[in-house]
């Protein structure tokens, strides 16, 4: 039995799980409710959080507490490697830093082909 729970009200939910003896005749059966599917473009105006991640590393709390002004911590990427571009925490591609009207920006160098755009919203 395939269940489509979209748009099902409380009465429809009861009718869905009633046995044949409780439902009665066909004329008493609830009418099918059609739920219109929204295209992906429906989500185009939703804001997302875009992150350009330079690199990361793991250090102990002791190492963190001993950092002082001017201290350097080596990260896990080389200086010529592309940076990770994430949308809502999901990696979508790689980029390099650019300057746009005096502000930092990013230039996409690679967009991952297997990105599931519907899971980003």
C-alpha atoms as a PDB file:
ATOM      1  CA  UNK A   1       0.000   0.000   0.000  1.00  0.00           C
ATOM      2  CA  UNK A   2       1.570   3.279  -1.090  1.00  0.00           C
ATOM      3  CA  UNK A   3       0.845   6.234   1.213  1.00  0.00           C
ATOM      4  CA  UNK A   4       0.851   9.847   0.088  1.00  0.00           C
ATOM      5  CA  UNK A   5       0.609  11.899   3.296  1.00  0.00           C
ATOM      6  CA  UNK A   6       0.798  15.306   1.568  1.00  0.00           C
ATOM      7  CA  UNK A   7      -2.317  17.359   2.231  1.00  0.00           C
ATOM      8  CA  UNK A   8      -4.055  14.678   4.326  1.00  0.00           C
ATOM      9  CA  UNK A   9      -6.369  16.165   6.971  1.00  0.00           C
ATOM     10  CA  UNK A  10      -7.451  14.412  10.205  1.00  0.00           C
ATOM     11  CA  UNK A  11     -10.600  12.930   8.598  1.00  0.00           C
ATOM     12  CA  UNK A  12      -8.611  11.643   5.633  1.00  0.00           C
ATOM     13  CA  UNK A  13      -6.044  10.105   7.997  1.00  0.00           C
ATOM     14  CA  UNK A  14      -8.792   8.179   9.846  1.00  0.00           C
ATOM     15  CA  UNK A  15     -10.301   7.019   6.549  1.00  0.00           C
ATOM     16  CA  UNK A  16      -6.898   5.911   5.277  1.00  0.00           C
ATOM     17  CA  UNK A  17      -6.473   3.396   8.106  1.00  0.00           C
ATOM     18  CA  UNK A  18     -10.112   2.297   8.460  1.00  0.00           C
ATOM     19  CA  UNK A  19     -10.920  -1.256   7.410  1.00  0.00           C
ATOM     20  CA  UNK A  20     -13.436  -1.970   4.653  1.00  0.00           C
ATOM     21  CA  UNK A  21     -16.269  -2.725   7.111  1.00  0.00           C
ATOM     22  CA  UNK A  22     -15.933   0.703   8.750  1.00  0.00           C
ATOM     23  CA  UNK A  23     -15.717   2.714   5.535  1.00  0.00           C
ATOM     24  CA  UNK A  24     -19.086   1.735   4.046  1.00  0.00           C
ATOM     25  CA  UNK A  25     -20.075   2.102   0.406  1.00  0.00           C
ATOM     26  CA  UNK A  26     -17.998   3.612  -2.378  1.00  0.00           C
ATOM     27  CA  UNK A  27     -20.204   6.701  -2.440  1.00  0.00           C
ATOM     28  CA  UNK A  28     -19.155   7.424   1.158  1.00  0.00           C
ATOM     29  CA  UNK A  29     -15.432   7.162   0.409  1.00  0.00           C
ATOM     30  CA  UNK A  30     -13.507  10.426   0.752  1.00  0.00           C
ATOM     31  CA  UNK A  31     -12.675  12.173  -2.501  1.00  0.00           C
ATOM     32  CA  UNK A  32      -9.048  12.129  -3.554  1.00  0.00           C
ATOM     33  CA  UNK A  33      -7.258  15.355  -2.724  1.00  0.00           C
ATOM     34  CA  UNK A  34      -4.815  16.555  -5.367  1.00  0.00           C
ATOM     35  CA  UNK A  35      -1.683  18.198  -3.985  1.00  0.00           C
ATOM     36  CA  UNK A  36       0.108  20.396  -6.474  1.00  0.00           C
ATOM     37  CA  UNK A  37       3.855  19.716  -6.573  1.00  0.00           C
ATOM     38  CA  UNK A  38       6.009  22.856  -6.450  1.00  0.00           C
ATOM     39  CA  UNK A  39       8.921  23.082  -8.903  1.00  0.00           C
ATOM     40  CA  UNK A  40      12.423  23.615  -7.535  1.00  0.00           C
ATOM     41  CA  UNK A  41      12.188  27.243  -8.707  1.00  0.00           C
ATOM     42  CA  UNK A  42       9.730  27.726  -5.833  1.00  0.00           C
ATOM     43  CA  UNK A  43      12.796  27.756  -3.527  1.00  0.00           C
ATOM     44  CA  UNK A  44      14.938  30.177  -5.561  1.00  0.00           C
ATOM     45  CA  UNK A  45      14.345  33.145  -3.239  1.00  0.00           C
ATOM     46  CA  UNK A  46      15.112  31.327   0.031  1.00  0.00           C
ATOM     47  CA  UNK A  47      18.277  32.688   1.658  1.00  0.00           C
ATOM     48  CA  UNK A  48      21.128  30.252   2.305  1.00  0.00           C
ATOM     49  CA  UNK A  49      24.393  30.553   4.226  1.00  0.00           C
ATOM     50  CA  UNK A  50      27.380  30.634   1.829  1.00  0.00           C
ATOM     51  CA  UNK A  51      30.757  29.834   3.386  1.00  0.00           C
ATOM     52  CA  UNK A  52      34.237  29.995   1.902  1.00  0.00           C
ATOM     53  CA  UNK A  53      36.393  27.717   4.026  1.00  0.00           C
ATOM     54  CA  UNK A  54      40.123  28.377   3.842  1.00  0.00           C
ATOM     55  CA  UNK A  55      41.291  25.294   5.738  1.00  0.00           C
ATOM     56  CA  UNK A  56      41.105  23.654   9.136  1.00  0.00           C
ATOM     57  CA  UNK A  57      43.182  21.763  11.643  1.00  0.00           C
ATOM     58  CA  UNK A  58      42.761  19.978  14.936  1.00  0.00           C
ATOM     59  CA  UNK A  59      44.671  21.186  17.980  1.00  0.00           C
ATOM     60  CA  UNK A  60      44.412  20.465  21.687  1.00  0.00           C
ATOM     61  CA  UNK A  61      42.854  22.892  24.139  1.00  0.00           C
ATOM     62  CA  UNK A  62      46.302  23.315  25.684  1.00  0.00           C
ATOM     63  CA  UNK A  63      47.736  24.427  22.307  1.00  0.00           C
ATOM     64  CA  UNK A  64      44.778  26.767  21.802  1.00  0.00           C
ATOM     65  CA  UNK A  65      45.253  28.354  25.244  1.00  0.00           C
ATOM     66  CA  UNK A  66      48.950  28.979  24.613  1.00  0.00           C
ATOM     67  CA  UNK A  67      48.360  30.899  21.367  1.00  0.00           C
ATOM     68  CA  UNK A  68      49.403  34.518  21.581  1.00  0.00           C
ATOM     69  CA  UNK A  69      49.269  37.488  19.240  1.00  0.00           C
ATOM     70  CA  UNK A  70      51.391  36.761  16.178  1.00  0.00           C
ATOM     71  CA  UNK A  71      51.323  32.979  16.659  1.00  0.00           C
ATOM     72  CA  UNK A  72      50.953  30.866  13.507  1.00  0.00           C
ATOM     73  CA  UNK A  73      49.026  27.590  13.242  1.00  0.00           C
ATOM     74  CA  UNK A  74      49.592  25.350  10.233  1.00  0.00           C
ATOM     75  CA  UNK A  75      46.361  24.358   8.473  1.00  0.00           C
ATOM     76  CA  UNK A  76      45.547  21.299   6.354  1.00  0.00           C
ATOM     77  CA  UNK A  77      45.761  22.926   2.903  1.00  0.00           C
ATOM     78  CA  UNK A  78      48.623  24.214   0.829  1.00  0.00           C
ATOM     79  CA  UNK A  79      48.626  27.899  -0.085  1.00  0.00           C
ATOM     80  CA  UNK A  80      47.921  27.221  -3.769  1.00  0.00           C
ATOM     81  CA  UNK A  81      44.947  24.884  -3.200  1.00  0.00           C
ATOM     82  CA  UNK A  82      41.380  25.980  -3.949  1.00  0.00           C
ATOM     83  CA  UNK A  83      39.131  26.838  -1.015  1.00  0.00           C
ATOM     84  CA  UNK A  84      35.963  24.891  -0.135  1.00  0.00           C
ATOM     85  CA  UNK A  85      32.637  26.559  -0.983  1.00  0.00           C
ATOM     86  CA  UNK A  86      29.794  25.372   1.240  1.00  0.00           C
ATOM     87  CA  UNK A  87      26.089  26.194   1.229  1.00  0.00           C
ATOM     88  CA  UNK A  88      24.366  25.517   4.558  1.00  0.00           C
ATOM     89  CA  UNK A  89      27.384  23.360   5.479  1.00  0.00           C
ATOM     90  CA  UNK A  90      27.266  21.214   2.324  1.00  0.00           C
ATOM     91  CA  UNK A  91      30.279  21.272  -0.021  1.00  0.00           C
ATOM     92  CA  UNK A  92      29.195  22.425  -3.496  1.00  0.00           C
ATOM     93  CA  UNK A  93      32.537  23.312  -5.099  1.00  0.00           C
ATOM     94  CA  UNK A  94      35.871  25.081  -4.909  1.00  0.00           C
ATOM     95  CA  UNK A  95      36.957  28.696  -5.370  1.00  0.00           C
ATOM     96  CA  UNK A  96      39.731  31.228  -5.047  1.00  0.00           C
ATOM     97  CA  UNK A  97      39.654  34.543  -3.199  1.00  0.00           C
ATOM     98  CA  UNK A  98      39.319  37.728  -5.271  1.00  0.00           C
ATOM     99  CA  UNK A  99      38.823  41.406  -4.434  1.00  0.00           C
ATOM    100  CA  UNK A 100      35.538  42.951  -5.637  1.00  0.00           C
ATOM    101  CA  UNK A 101      35.128  46.727  -5.082  1.00  0.00           C
ATOM    102  CA  UNK A 102      37.485  46.565  -2.098  1.00  0.00           C
ATOM    103  CA  UNK A 103      35.692  43.572  -0.532  1.00  0.00           C
ATOM    104  CA  UNK A 104      36.715  39.924  -0.440  1.00  0.00           C
ATOM    105  CA  UNK A 105      34.872  37.786  -2.961  1.00  0.00           C
ATOM    106  CA  UNK A 106      35.173  34.371  -4.506  1.00  0.00           C
ATOM    107  CA  UNK A 107      35.703  33.086  -8.018  1.00  0.00           C
ATOM    108  CA  UNK A 108      34.307  29.600  -8.538  1.00  0.00           C
ATOM    109  CA  UNK A 109      36.946  27.290  -9.988  1.00  0.00           C
ATOM    110  CA  UNK A 110      34.944  24.047  -9.814  1.00  0.00           C
ATOM    111  CA  UNK A 111      31.298  23.204  -9.160  1.00  0.00           C
ATOM    112  CA  UNK A 112      30.637  19.646  -8.008  1.00  0.00           C
ATOM    113  CA  UNK A 113      28.391  17.826 -10.474  1.00  0.00           C
ATOM    114  CA  UNK A 114      26.759  15.570  -7.887  1.00  0.00           C
ATOM    115  CA  UNK A 115      25.367  18.454  -5.803  1.00  0.00           C
ATOM    116  CA  UNK A 116      21.791  17.750  -4.699  1.00  0.00           C
ATOM    117  CA  UNK A 117      20.412  21.305  -4.921  1.00  0.00           C
ATOM    118  CA  UNK A 118      17.093  20.398  -3.297  1.00  0.00           C
ATOM    119  CA  UNK A 119      18.824  19.439  -0.037  1.00  0.00           C
ATOM    120  CA  UNK A 120      20.446  22.895   0.288  1.00  0.00           C
ATOM    121  CA  UNK A 121      17.181  24.778   0.940  1.00  0.00           C
END
